[in-house]
Structure formats: C-alpha cells, structure tokens
C-alpha cells in the first residue's frame, strides 16, 4: 500500500512539473492616477506580460486615488507597486517596472544566472 501511495505522489509531482510552464499569473498593479511613473509602469508590465506570459496572466490595474481601501488592505506604501498574487508565494515590486530582468527574475520567469 505504501508503494502505491509513493507512486501516486511521484506521478502527481511529475504532472505538477509539466504544468509549471502553464501556471496562471494573477497580478495587481497599484498606481497613482496618470502620473508619468504610473503610465510607464502600466506600459512596461503589459509588455513583459505579453512577451513572457501571453494567455497565462490576469493583470488588474488599481488607481489608489480612486480605491484607497484596496491599497490599505494590501499595505501599499509606495506606488507604482506590482503584486504577484498567484502563483504563490506572493511577491511585491515597487517602481515603474523598467528593470525587465529584475521583474522576470522576481516573477520566476527566467532562471538565476550562475556566477
């Protein structure tokens, strides 16, 4: 019986690995109106998502001036801030999302470079 359980766990693990390239990303971008930094952040993250997550992401842009309660609930202390809700673990990025390499690394979309 233990052998069947181990085989089942191994099979589930292998299936999870296959699906890892198909994971859906849930992203929330908190901005402050139409400031230059906010518009750059929106443009940059949309470009990153279309190039690296096409068809596998949901991006919600939230203006903290219009919805301050949402920003308070997420403990947003600076804007623009991007939050990766899914896949776990949750990650936060602050800035205009112009450092593409850093964003890709933080979203686990590019392997870390070996030293």
PDB file of N, CA and C in Angstrom:
ATOM      1  N   UNK A   1       0.827  -1.184   0.000  1.00  0.00           N
ATOM      2  CA  UNK A   1       0.000   0.000   0.000  1.00  0.00           C
ATOM      3  C   UNK A   1       0.876   1.255   0.000  1.00  0.00           C
ATOM      4  N   UNK A   2       1.973   1.245   0.747  1.00  0.00           N
ATOM      5  CA  UNK A   2       2.871   2.396   0.785  1.00  0.00           C
ATOM      6  C   UNK A   2       3.503   2.629  -0.580  1.00  0.00           C
ATOM      7  N   UNK A   3       3.764   1.532  -1.315  1.00  0.00           N
ATOM      8  CA  UNK A   3       4.360   1.652  -2.636  1.00  0.00           C
ATOM      9  C   UNK A   3       3.400   2.365  -3.595  1.00  0.00           C
ATOM     10  N   UNK A   4       2.103   2.003  -3.523  1.00  0.00           N
ATOM     11  CA  UNK A   4       1.107   2.654  -4.388  1.00  0.00           C
ATOM     12  C   UNK A   4       1.025   4.147  -4.062  1.00  0.00           C
ATOM     13  N   UNK A   5       1.071   4.480  -2.782  1.00  0.00           N
ATOM     14  CA  UNK A   5       0.994   5.872  -2.367  1.00  0.00           C
ATOM     15  C   UNK A   5       2.205   6.656  -2.880  1.00  0.00           C
ATOM     16  N   UNK A   6       3.377   6.043  -2.814  1.00  0.00           N
ATOM     17  CA  UNK A   6       4.593   6.696  -3.301  1.00  0.00           C
ATOM     18  C   UNK A   6       4.527   6.892  -4.810  1.00  0.00           C
ATOM     19  N   UNK A   7       4.045   5.888  -5.534  1.00  0.00           N
ATOM     20  CA  UNK A   7       3.914   6.007  -6.985  1.00  0.00           C
ATOM     21  C   UNK A   7       2.921   7.105  -7.345  1.00  0.00           C
ATOM     22  N   UNK A   8       1.827   7.177  -6.595  1.00  0.00           N
ATOM     23  CA  UNK A   8       0.818   8.200  -6.833  1.00  0.00           C
ATOM     24  C   UNK A   8       1.400   9.592  -6.587  1.00  0.00           C
ATOM     25  N   UNK A   9       2.148   9.759  -5.517  1.00  0.00           N
ATOM     26  CA  UNK A   9       2.766  11.047  -5.196  1.00  0.00           C
ATOM     27  C   UNK A   9       3.767  11.457  -6.260  1.00  0.00           C
ATOM     28  N   UNK A  10       4.554  10.483  -6.740  1.00  0.00           N
ATOM     29  CA  UNK A  10       5.532  10.760  -7.792  1.00  0.00           C
ATOM     30  C   UNK A  10       4.830  11.201  -9.063  1.00  0.00           C
ATOM     31  N   UNK A  11       3.755  10.518  -9.411  1.00  0.00           N
ATOM     32  CA  UNK A  11       3.002  10.860 -10.615  1.00  0.00           C
ATOM     33  C   UNK A  11       2.407  12.273 -10.503  1.00  0.00           C
ATOM     34  N   UNK A  12       1.861  12.596  -9.334  1.00  0.00           N
ATOM     35  CA  UNK A  12       1.298  13.926  -9.113  1.00  0.00           C
ATOM     36  C   UNK A  12       2.378  15.000  -9.230  1.00  0.00           C
ATOM     37  N   UNK A  13       3.548  14.704  -8.680  1.00  0.00           N
ATOM     38  CA  UNK A  13       4.662  15.647  -8.733  1.00  0.00           C
ATOM     39  C   UNK A  13       5.095  15.878 -10.177  1.00  0.00           C
ATOM     40  N   UNK A  14       5.211  14.817 -10.942  1.00  0.00           N
ATOM     41  CA  UNK A  14       5.605  14.937 -12.348  1.00  0.00           C
ATOM     42  C   UNK A  14       4.578  15.739 -13.142  1.00  0.00           C
ATOM     43  N   UNK A  15       3.293  15.536 -12.865  1.00  0.00           N
ATOM     44  CA  UNK A  15       2.252  16.303 -13.542  1.00  0.00           C
ATOM     45  C   UNK A  15       2.328  17.773 -13.160  1.00  0.00           C
ATOM     46  N   UNK A  16       2.624  18.056 -11.906  1.00  0.00           N
ATOM     47  CA  UNK A  16       2.758  19.446 -11.453  1.00  0.00           C
ATOM     48  C   UNK A  16       3.928  20.129 -12.155  1.00  0.00           C
ATOM     49  N   UNK A  17       5.016  19.387 -12.343  1.00  0.00           N
ATOM     50  CA  UNK A  17       6.166  19.960 -13.054  1.00  0.00           C
ATOM     51  C   UNK A  17       5.809  20.294 -14.498  1.00  0.00           C
ATOM     52  N   UNK A  18       5.063  19.413 -15.150  1.00  0.00           N
ATOM     53  CA  UNK A  18       4.663  19.669 -16.531  1.00  0.00           C
ATOM     54  C   UNK A  18       3.792  20.914 -16.617  1.00  0.00           C
ATOM     55  N   UNK A  19       2.922  21.100 -15.631  1.00  0.00           N
ATOM     56  CA  UNK A  19       2.004  22.228 -15.629  1.00  0.00           C
ATOM     57  C   UNK A  19       2.678  23.532 -15.221  1.00  0.00           C
ATOM     58  N   UNK A  20       3.873  23.465 -14.638  1.00  0.00           N
ATOM     59  CA  UNK A  20       4.512  24.678 -14.132  1.00  0.00           C
ATOM     60  C   UNK A  20       4.735  25.706 -15.231  1.00  0.00           C
ATOM     61  N   UNK A  21       4.922  25.263 -16.454  1.00  0.00           N
ATOM     62  CA  UNK A  21       5.074  26.184 -17.563  1.00  0.00           C
ATOM     63  C   UNK A  21       3.738  26.741 -18.031  1.00  0.00           C
ATOM     64  N   UNK A  22       2.647  26.253 -17.456  1.00  0.00           N
ATOM     65  CA  UNK A  22       1.316  26.682 -17.847  1.00  0.00           C
ATOM     66  C   UNK A  22       0.606  27.428 -16.725  1.00  0.00           C
ATOM     67  N   UNK A  23       1.314  27.739 -15.639  1.00  0.00           N
ATOM     68  CA  UNK A  23       0.691  28.389 -14.500  1.00  0.00           C
ATOM     69  C   UNK A  23       0.089  29.732 -14.875  1.00  0.00           C
ATOM     70  N   UNK A  24      -1.063  30.020 -14.301  1.00  0.00           N
ATOM     71  CA  UNK A  24      -1.700  31.322 -14.479  1.00  0.00           C
ATOM     72  C   UNK A  24      -1.121  32.295 -13.456  1.00  0.00           C
ATOM     73  N   UNK A  25      -0.896  33.507 -13.898  1.00  0.00           N
ATOM     74  CA  UNK A  25      -0.380  34.560 -13.038  1.00  0.00           C
ATOM     75  C   UNK A  25      -1.484  35.572 -12.771  1.00  0.00           C
ATOM     76  N   UNK A  26      -1.686  35.895 -11.500  1.00  0.00           N
ATOM     77  CA  UNK A  26      -2.621  36.930 -11.101  1.00  0.00           C
ATOM     78  C   UNK A  26      -1.789  38.092 -10.567  1.00  0.00           C
ATOM     79  N   UNK A  27      -1.821  39.205 -11.291  1.00  0.00           N
ATOM     80  CA  UNK A  27      -1.007  40.368 -10.962  1.00  0.00           C
ATOM     81  C   UNK A  27      -1.902  41.570 -10.690  1.00  0.00           C
ATOM     82  N   UNK A  28      -1.532  42.356  -9.679  1.00  0.00           N
ATOM     83  CA  UNK A  28      -2.242  43.597  -9.377  1.00  0.00           C
ATOM     84  C   UNK A  28      -1.221  44.719  -9.367  1.00  0.00           C
ATOM     85  N   UNK A  29      -1.501  45.753 -10.150  1.00  0.00           N
ATOM     86  CA  UNK A  29      -0.616  46.901 -10.237  1.00  0.00           C
ATOM     87  C   UNK A  29      -1.327  48.099  -9.619  1.00  0.00           C
ATOM     88  N   UNK A  30      -0.757  48.619  -8.546  1.00  0.00           N
ATOM     89  CA  UNK A  30      -1.303  49.783  -7.868  1.00  0.00           C
ATOM     90  C   UNK A  30      -0.576  51.021  -8.362  1.00  0.00           C
ATOM     91  N   UNK A  31      -1.344  52.001  -8.879  1.00  0.00           N
ATOM     92  CA  UNK A  31      -0.780  53.224  -9.438  1.00  0.00           C
ATOM     93  C   UNK A  31      -1.456  54.440  -8.789  1.00  0.00           C
ATOM     94  N   UNK A  32      -0.873  55.614  -9.046  1.00  0.00           N
ATOM     95  CA  UNK A  32      -1.440  56.857  -8.530  1.00  0.00           C
ATOM     96  C   UNK A  32      -1.835  57.747  -9.704  1.00  0.00           C
ATOM     97  N   UNK A  33      -3.040  57.552 -10.195  1.00  0.00           N
ATOM     98  CA  UNK A  33      -3.528  58.364 -11.304  1.00  0.00           C
ATOM     99  C   UNK A  33      -2.736  58.131 -12.580  1.00  0.00           C
ATOM    100  N   UNK A  34      -2.609  59.197 -13.362  1.00  0.00           N
ATOM    101  CA  UNK A  34      -1.904  59.094 -14.644  1.00  0.00           C
ATOM    102  C   UNK A  34      -0.554  59.801 -14.594  1.00  0.00           C
ATOM    103  N   UNK A  35       0.158  59.618 -13.510  1.00  0.00           N
ATOM    104  CA  UNK A  35       1.492  60.201 -13.395  1.00  0.00           C
ATOM    105  C   UNK A  35       2.428  59.523 -14.393  1.00  0.00           C
ATOM    106  N   UNK A  36       3.541  60.176 -14.735  1.00  0.00           N
ATOM    107  CA  UNK A  36       4.493  59.537 -15.663  1.00  0.00           C
ATOM    108  C   UNK A  36       4.965  58.157 -15.171  1.00  0.00           C
ATOM    109  N   UNK A  37       5.256  58.035 -13.881  1.00  0.00           N
ATOM    110  CA  UNK A  37       5.715  56.743 -13.355  1.00  0.00           C
ATOM    111  C   UNK A  37       4.619  55.690 -13.477  1.00  0.00           C
ATOM    112  N   UNK A  38       3.375  56.082 -13.225  1.00  0.00           N
ATOM    113  CA  UNK A  38       2.262  55.133 -13.329  1.00  0.00           C
ATOM    114  C   UNK A  38       2.058  54.668 -14.760  1.00  0.00           C
ATOM    115  N   UNK A  39       2.078  55.590 -15.708  1.00  0.00           N
ATOM    116  CA  UNK A  39       1.866  55.196 -17.104  1.00  0.00           C
ATOM    117  C   UNK A  39       3.020  54.340 -17.620  1.00  0.00           C
ATOM    118  N   UNK A  40       4.256  54.641 -17.177  1.00  0.00           N
ATOM    119  CA  UNK A  40       5.403  53.800 -17.555  1.00  0.00           C
ATOM    120  C   UNK A  40       5.248  52.406 -16.978  1.00  0.00           C
ATOM    121  N   UNK A  41       4.834  52.323 -15.713  1.00  0.00           N
ATOM    122  CA  UNK A  41       4.675  51.019 -15.063  1.00  0.00           C
ATOM    123  C   UNK A  41       3.623  50.178 -15.788  1.00  0.00           C
ATOM    124  N   UNK A  42       2.508  50.797 -16.149  1.00  0.00           N
ATOM    125  CA  UNK A  42       1.445  50.075 -16.856  1.00  0.00           C
ATOM    126  C   UNK A  42       1.967  49.571 -18.198  1.00  0.00           C
ATOM    127  N   UNK A  43       2.617  50.444 -18.938  1.00  0.00           N
ATOM    128  CA  UNK A  43       3.158  50.069 -20.247  1.00  0.00           C
ATOM    129  C   UNK A  43       4.205  48.961 -20.122  1.00  0.00           C
ATOM    130  N   UNK A  44       5.125  49.119 -19.181  1.00  0.00           N
ATOM    131  CA  UNK A  44       6.210  48.138 -19.011  1.00  0.00           C
ATOM    132  C   UNK A  44       5.684  46.770 -18.601  1.00  0.00           C
ATOM    133  N   UNK A  45       4.763  46.718 -17.633  1.00  0.00           N
ATOM    134  CA  UNK A  45       4.298  45.405 -17.172  1.00  0.00           C
ATOM    135  C   UNK A  45       3.423  44.740 -18.230  1.00  0.00           C
ATOM    136  N   UNK A  46       2.653  45.526 -18.987  1.00  0.00           N
ATOM    137  CA  UNK A  46       1.861  44.925 -20.080  1.00  0.00           C
ATOM    138  C   UNK A  46       2.783  44.312 -21.128  1.00  0.00           C
ATOM    139  N   UNK A  47       3.867  45.002 -21.444  1.00  0.00           N
ATOM    140  CA  UNK A  47       4.824  44.485 -22.428  1.00  0.00           C
ATOM    141  C   UNK A  47       5.467  43.185 -21.924  1.00  0.00           C
ATOM    142  N   UNK A  48       5.899  43.181 -20.661  1.00  0.00           N
ATOM    143  CA  UNK A  48       6.509  41.982 -20.070  1.00  0.00           C
ATOM    144  C   UNK A  48       5.517  40.818 -20.103  1.00  0.00           C
ATOM    145  N   UNK A  49       4.277  41.080 -19.707  1.00  0.00           N
ATOM    146  CA  UNK A  49       3.265  40.018 -19.679  1.00  0.00           C
ATOM    147  C   UNK A  49       2.976  39.468 -21.065  1.00  0.00           C
ATOM    148  N   UNK A  50       2.853  40.340 -22.048  1.00  0.00           N
ATOM    149  CA  UNK A  50       2.561  39.873 -23.405  1.00  0.00           C
ATOM    150  C   UNK A  50       3.720  39.070 -23.998  1.00  0.00           C
ATOM    151  N   UNK A  51       4.946  39.441 -23.654  1.00  0.00           N
ATOM    152  CA  UNK A  51       6.105  38.720 -24.192  1.00  0.00           C
ATOM    153  C   UNK A  51       6.370  37.401 -23.483  1.00  0.00           C
ATOM    154  N   UNK A  52       6.096  37.331 -22.175  1.00  0.00           N
ATOM    155  CA  UNK A  52       6.508  36.157 -21.397  1.00  0.00           C
ATOM    156  C   UNK A  52       5.354  35.345 -20.803  1.00  0.00           C
ATOM    157  N   UNK A  53       4.155  35.910 -20.762  1.00  0.00           N
ATOM    158  CA  UNK A  53       3.030  35.211 -20.137  1.00  0.00           C
ATOM    159  C   UNK A  53       1.786  35.191 -21.015  1.00  0.00           C
ATOM    160  N   UNK A  54       1.953  35.383 -22.294  1.00  0.00           N
ATOM    161  CA  UNK A  54       0.806  35.526 -23.204  1.00  0.00           C
ATOM    162  C   UNK A  54      -0.233  34.428 -22.961  1.00  0.00           C
ATOM    163  N   UNK A  55      -1.455  34.861 -22.643  1.00  0.00           N
ATOM    164  CA  UNK A  55      -2.548  33.926 -22.410  1.00  0.00           C
ATOM    165  C   UNK A  55      -2.549  33.269 -21.045  1.00  0.00           C
ATOM    166  N   UNK A  56      -1.566  33.608 -20.207  1.00  0.00           N
ATOM    167  CA  UNK A  56      -1.457  32.946 -18.897  1.00  0.00           C
ATOM    168  C   UNK A  56      -1.490  33.940 -17.740  1.00  0.00           C
ATOM    169  N   UNK A  57      -2.010  35.144 -17.973  1.00  0.00           N
ATOM    170  CA  UNK A  57      -1.988  36.123 -16.889  1.00  0.00           C
ATOM    171  C   UNK A  57      -3.264  36.941 -16.847  1.00  0.00           C
ATOM    172  N   UNK A  58      -3.524  37.462 -15.665  1.00  0.00           N
ATOM    173  CA  UNK A  58      -4.593  38.421 -15.459  1.00  0.00           C
ATOM    174  C   UNK A  58      -3.964  39.601 -14.744  1.00  0.00           C
ATOM    175  N   UNK A  59      -4.065  40.775 -15.343  1.00  0.00           N
ATOM    176  CA  UNK A  59      -3.475  41.988 -14.780  1.00  0.00           C
ATOM    177  C   UNK A  59      -4.591  42.948 -14.419  1.00  0.00           C
ATOM    178  N   UNK A  60      -4.631  43.329 -13.152  1.00  0.00           N
ATOM    179  CA  UNK A  60      -5.611  44.302 -12.686  1.00  0.00           C
ATOM    180  C   UNK A  60      -4.858  45.568 -12.302  1.00  0.00           C
ATOM    181  N   UNK A  61      -5.232  46.698 -12.900  1.00  0.00           N
ATOM    182  CA  UNK A  61      -4.614  47.981 -12.585  1.00  0.00           C
ATOM    183  C   UNK A  61      -5.557  48.728 -11.653  1.00  0.00           C
ATOM    184  N   UNK A  62      -5.036  49.128 -10.492  1.00  0.00           N
ATOM    185  CA  UNK A  62      -5.848  49.768  -9.462  1.00  0.00           C
ATOM    186  C   UNK A  62      -5.269  51.144  -9.162  1.00  0.00           C
ATOM    187  N   UNK A  63      -6.090  52.174  -9.327  1.00  0.00           N
ATOM    188  CA  UNK A  63      -5.690  53.545  -9.004  1.00  0.00           C
ATOM    189  C   UNK A  63      -5.989  53.770  -7.521  1.00  0.00           C
ATOM    190  N   UNK A  64      -4.951  53.984  -6.732  1.00  0.00           N
ATOM    191  CA  UNK A  64      -5.153  54.112  -5.289  1.00  0.00           C
ATOM    192  C   UNK A  64      -5.864  55.418  -4.914  1.00  0.00           C
ATOM    193  N   UNK A  65      -5.909  56.384  -5.816  1.00  0.00           N
ATOM    194  CA  UNK A  65      -6.697  57.594  -5.563  1.00  0.00           C
ATOM    195  C   UNK A  65      -8.185  57.274  -5.637  1.00  0.00           C
ATOM    196  N   UNK A  66      -8.565  56.374  -6.542  1.00  0.00           N
ATOM    197  CA  UNK A  66      -9.970  56.016  -6.715  1.00  0.00           C
ATOM    198  C   UNK A  66     -10.415  54.907  -5.764  1.00  0.00           C
ATOM    199  N   UNK A  67      -9.484  54.042  -5.357  1.00  0.00           N
ATOM    200  CA  UNK A  67      -9.834  52.918  -4.480  1.00  0.00           C
ATOM    201  C   UNK A  67      -8.819  52.793  -3.330  1.00  0.00           C
ATOM    202  N   UNK A  68      -8.781  53.782  -2.445  1.00  0.00           N
ATOM    203  CA  UNK A  68      -7.785  53.768  -1.358  1.00  0.00           C
ATOM    204  C   UNK A  68      -7.944  52.595  -0.390  1.00  0.00           C
ATOM    205  N   UNK A  69      -9.157  52.070  -0.265  1.00  0.00           N
ATOM    206  CA  UNK A  69      -9.382  50.948   0.651  1.00  0.00           C
ATOM    207  C   UNK A  69      -8.608  49.713   0.188  1.00  0.00           C
ATOM    208  N   UNK A  70      -8.576  49.482  -1.126  1.00  0.00           N
ATOM    209  CA  UNK A  70      -7.837  48.323  -1.650  1.00  0.00           C
ATOM    210  C   UNK A  70      -6.345  48.465  -1.370  1.00  0.00           C
ATOM    211  N   UNK A  71      -5.820  49.676  -1.536  1.00  0.00           N
ATOM    212  CA  UNK A  71      -4.396  49.913  -1.285  1.00  0.00           C
ATOM    213  C   UNK A  71      -4.082  49.710   0.191  1.00  0.00           C
ATOM    214  N   UNK A  72      -4.970  50.161   1.058  1.00  0.00           N
ATOM    215  CA  UNK A  72      -4.754  49.990   2.503  1.00  0.00           C
ATOM    216  C   UNK A  72      -4.769  48.506   2.870  1.00  0.00           C
ATOM    217  N   UNK A  73      -5.699  47.769   2.280  1.00  0.00           N
ATOM    218  CA  UNK A  73      -5.797  46.332   2.562  1.00  0.00           C
ATOM    219  C   UNK A  73      -4.555  45.562   2.136  1.00  0.00           C
ATOM    220  N   UNK A  74      -3.885  46.017   1.079  1.00  0.00           N
ATOM    221  CA  UNK A  74      -2.662  45.362   0.585  1.00  0.00           C
ATOM    222  C   UNK A  74      -1.401  45.964   1.211  1.00  0.00           C
ATOM    223  N   UNK A  75      -1.582  46.953   2.067  1.00  0.00           N
ATOM    224  CA  UNK A  75      -0.473  47.637   2.740  1.00  0.00           C
ATOM    225  C   UNK A  75       0.500  48.237   1.724  1.00  0.00           C
ATOM    226  N   UNK A  76      -0.056  48.949   0.758  1.00  0.00           N
ATOM    227  CA  UNK A  76       0.752  49.622  -0.258  1.00  0.00           C
ATOM    228  C   UNK A  76       1.338  50.885   0.362  1.00  0.00           C
ATOM    229  N   UNK A  77       2.665  51.006   0.354  1.00  0.00           N
ATOM    230  CA  UNK A  77       3.326  52.176   0.939  1.00  0.00           C
ATOM    231  C   UNK A  77       3.961  53.069  -0.115  1.00  0.00           C
ATOM    232  N   UNK A  78       4.027  52.591  -1.351  1.00  0.00           N
ATOM    233  CA  UNK A  78       4.602  53.364  -2.453  1.00  0.00           C
ATOM    234  C   UNK A  78       3.897  52.931  -3.737  1.00  0.00           C
ATOM    235  N   UNK A  79       3.899  53.834  -4.694  1.00  0.00           N
ATOM    236  CA  UNK A  79       3.278  53.491  -5.978  1.00  0.00           C
ATOM    237  C   UNK A  79       4.170  54.021  -7.086  1.00  0.00           C
ATOM    238  N   UNK A  80       4.231  53.314  -8.195  1.00  0.00           N
ATOM    239  CA  UNK A  80       3.535  52.075  -8.528  1.00  0.00           C
ATOM    240  C   UNK A  80       4.113  50.861  -7.777  1.00  0.00           C
ATOM    241  N   UNK A  81       3.206  49.953  -7.435  1.00  0.00           N
ATOM    242  CA  UNK A  81       3.574  48.685  -6.809  1.00  0.00           C
ATOM    243  C   UNK A  81       2.858  47.558  -7.540  1.00  0.00           C
ATOM    244  N   UNK A  82       3.616  46.543  -7.924  1.00  0.00           N
ATOM    245  CA  UNK A  82       3.064  45.344  -8.554  1.00  0.00           C
ATOM    246  C   UNK A  82       3.067  44.229  -7.523  1.00  0.00           C
ATOM    247  N   UNK A  83       1.936  43.538  -7.414  1.00  0.00           N
ATOM    248  CA  UNK A  83       1.840  42.389  -6.513  1.00  0.00           C
ATOM    249  C   UNK A  83       1.534  41.151  -7.341  1.00  0.00           C
ATOM    250  N   UNK A  84       2.370  40.142  -7.177  1.00  0.00           N
ATOM    251  CA  UNK A  84       2.084  38.835  -7.792  1.00  0.00           C
ATOM    252  C   UNK A  84       1.326  38.037  -6.744  1.00  0.00           C
ATOM    253  N   UNK A  85       0.023  37.850  -6.973  1.00  0.00           N
ATOM    254  CA  UNK A  85      -0.825  37.100  -6.045  1.00  0.00           C
ATOM    255  C   UNK A  85      -0.692  35.597  -6.299  1.00  0.00           C
ATOM    256  N   UNK A  86      -0.662  35.228  -7.557  1.00  0.00           N
ATOM    257  CA  UNK A  86      -0.513  33.830  -7.953  1.00  0.00           C
ATOM    258  C   UNK A  86       0.496  33.751  -9.082  1.00  0.00           C
ATOM    259  N   UNK A  87       1.261  32.725  -9.207  1.00  0.00           N
ATOM    260  CA  UNK A  87       1.399  31.607  -8.270  1.00  0.00           C
ATOM    261  C   UNK A  87       2.098  32.062  -6.990  1.00  0.00           C
ATOM    262  N   UNK A  88       1.803  31.344  -5.941  1.00  0.00           N
ATOM    263  CA  UNK A  88       2.429  31.639  -4.659  1.00  0.00           C
ATOM    264  C   UNK A  88       3.915  31.352  -4.723  1.00  0.00           C
ATOM    265  N   UNK A  89       4.761  31.956  -3.968  1.00  0.00           N
ATOM    266  CA  UNK A  89       4.475  32.910  -2.907  1.00  0.00           C
ATOM    267  C   UNK A  89       4.195  34.299  -3.458  1.00  0.00           C
ATOM    268  N   UNK A  90       3.479  35.090  -2.672  1.00  0.00           N
ATOM    269  CA  UNK A  90       3.174  36.461  -3.026  1.00  0.00           C
ATOM    270  C   UNK A  90       4.478  37.253  -3.127  1.00  0.00           C
ATOM    271  N   UNK A  91       4.559  38.116  -4.128  1.00  0.00           N
ATOM    272  CA  UNK A  91       5.753  38.953  -4.296  1.00  0.00           C
ATOM    273  C   UNK A  91       5.327  40.374  -4.616  1.00  0.00           C
ATOM    274  N   UNK A  92       6.115  41.362  -4.175  1.00  0.00           N
ATOM    275  CA  UNK A  92       5.830  42.769  -4.446  1.00  0.00           C
ATOM    276  C   UNK A  92       7.025  43.421  -5.118  1.00  0.00           C
ATOM    277  N   UNK A  93       6.721  44.313  -6.072  1.00  0.00           N
ATOM    278  CA  UNK A  93       7.744  45.070  -6.790  1.00  0.00           C
ATOM    279  C   UNK A  93       7.335  46.535  -6.772  1.00  0.00           C
ATOM    280  N   UNK A  94       8.263  47.405  -6.453  1.00  0.00           N
ATOM    281  CA  UNK A  94       7.982  48.836  -6.410  1.00  0.00           C
ATOM    282  C   UNK A  94       8.783  49.520  -7.505  1.00  0.00           C
ATOM    283  N   UNK A  95       8.142  50.466  -8.201  1.00  0.00           N
ATOM    284  CA  UNK A  95       8.818  51.230  -9.238  1.00  0.00           C
ATOM    285  C   UNK A  95       8.062  51.182 -10.541  1.00  0.00           C
ATOM    286  N   UNK A  96       8.685  51.683 -11.602  1.00  0.00           N
ATOM    287  CA  UNK A  96       7.998  51.786 -12.891  1.00  0.00           C
ATOM    288  C   UNK A  96       8.149  50.537 -13.766  1.00  0.00           C
ATOM    289  N   UNK A  97       8.655  49.461 -13.201  1.00  0.00           N
ATOM    290  CA  UNK A  97       8.781  48.152 -13.870  1.00  0.00           C
ATOM    291  C   UNK A  97       9.699  48.210 -15.081  1.00  0.00           C
ATOM    292  N   UNK A  98      10.622  49.181 -15.095  1.00  0.00           N
ATOM    293  CA  UNK A  98      11.519  49.325 -16.247  1.00  0.00           C
ATOM    294  C   UNK A  98      12.705  48.368 -16.202  1.00  0.00           C
ATOM    295  N   UNK A  99      13.004  47.802 -15.031  1.00  0.00           N
ATOM    296  CA  UNK A  99      14.095  46.833 -14.921  1.00  0.00           C
ATOM    297  C   UNK A  99      13.531  45.448 -15.251  1.00  0.00           C
ATOM    298  N   UNK A 100      13.414  45.172 -16.527  1.00  0.00           N
ATOM    299  CA  UNK A 100      12.767  43.948 -17.002  1.00  0.00           C
ATOM    300  C   UNK A 100      13.410  42.697 -16.415  1.00  0.00           C
ATOM    301  N   UNK A 101      14.720  42.653 -16.370  1.00  0.00           N
ATOM    302  CA  UNK A 101      15.423  41.476 -15.850  1.00  0.00           C
ATOM    303  C   UNK A 101      15.025  41.195 -14.394  1.00  0.00           C
ATOM    304  N   UNK A 102      14.955  42.254 -13.590  1.00  0.00           N
ATOM    305  CA  UNK A 102      14.582  42.095 -12.177  1.00  0.00           C
ATOM    306  C   UNK A 102      13.139  41.594 -12.053  1.00  0.00           C
ATOM    307  N   UNK A 103      12.253  42.133 -12.873  1.00  0.00           N
ATOM    308  CA  UNK A 103      10.847  41.722 -12.829  1.00  0.00           C
ATOM    309  C   UNK A 103      10.712  40.261 -13.254  1.00  0.00           C
ATOM    310  N   UNK A 104      11.383  39.885 -14.333  1.00  0.00           N
ATOM    311  CA  UNK A 104      11.328  38.488 -14.798  1.00  0.00           C
ATOM    312  C   UNK A 104      11.862  37.534 -13.740  1.00  0.00           C
ATOM    313  N   UNK A 105      12.952  37.905 -13.115  1.00  0.00           N
ATOM    314  CA  UNK A 105      13.530  37.066 -12.067  1.00  0.00           C
ATOM    315  C   UNK A 105      12.568  36.951 -10.888  1.00  0.00           C
ATOM    316  N   UNK A 106      11.981  38.067 -10.498  1.00  0.00           N
ATOM    317  CA  UNK A 106      11.039  38.068  -9.380  1.00  0.00           C
ATOM    318  C   UNK A 106       9.766  37.297  -9.671  1.00  0.00           C
ATOM    319  N   UNK A 107       9.362  37.264 -10.929  1.00  0.00           N
ATOM    320  CA  UNK A 107       8.174  36.500 -11.319  1.00  0.00           C
ATOM    321  C   UNK A 107       8.498  35.035 -11.606  1.00  0.00           C
ATOM    322  N   UNK A 108       9.757  34.658 -11.426  1.00  0.00           N
ATOM    323  CA  UNK A 108      10.229  33.293 -11.687  1.00  0.00           C
ATOM    324  C   UNK A 108      10.063  32.912 -13.154  1.00  0.00           C
ATOM    325  N   UNK A 109      10.325  33.869 -14.032  1.00  0.00           N
ATOM    326  CA  UNK A 109      10.202  33.605 -15.461  1.00  0.00           C
ATOM    327  C   UNK A 109      11.546  33.420 -16.137  1.00  0.00           C
ATOM    328  N   UNK A 110      12.606  33.635 -15.444  1.00  0.00           N
ATOM    329  CA  UNK A 110      13.940  33.465 -16.019  1.00  0.00           C
ATOM    330  C   UNK A 110      14.836  32.899 -14.910  1.00  0.00           C
ATOM    331  N   UNK A 111      15.594  31.870 -15.219  1.00  0.00           N
ATOM    332  CA  UNK A 111      16.454  31.281 -14.178  1.00  0.00           C
ATOM    333  C   UNK A 111      17.540  32.256 -13.743  1.00  0.00           C
ATOM    334  N   UNK A 112      17.944  32.140 -12.487  1.00  0.00           N
ATOM    335  CA  UNK A 112      19.034  32.975 -11.981  1.00  0.00           C
ATOM    336  C   UNK A 112      20.318  32.637 -12.716  1.00  0.00           C
ATOM    337  N   UNK A 113      21.125  33.650 -12.999  1.00  0.00           N
ATOM    338  CA  UNK A 113      22.391  33.430 -13.693  1.00  0.00           C
ATOM    339  C   UNK A 113      23.395  32.811 -12.731  1.00  0.00           C
ATOM    340  N   UNK A 114      24.140  31.854 -13.241  1.00  0.00           N
ATOM    341  CA  UNK A 114      25.187  31.211 -12.452  1.00  0.00           C
ATOM    342  C   UNK A 114      26.417  32.111 -12.394  1.00  0.00           C
ATOM    343  N   UNK A 115      27.038  32.194 -11.219  1.00  0.00           N
ATOM    344  CA  UNK A 115      28.242  33.019 -11.086  1.00  0.00           C
ATOM    345  C   UNK A 115      29.469  32.223 -11.437  1.00  0.00           C
TER     346      UNK A 115
END
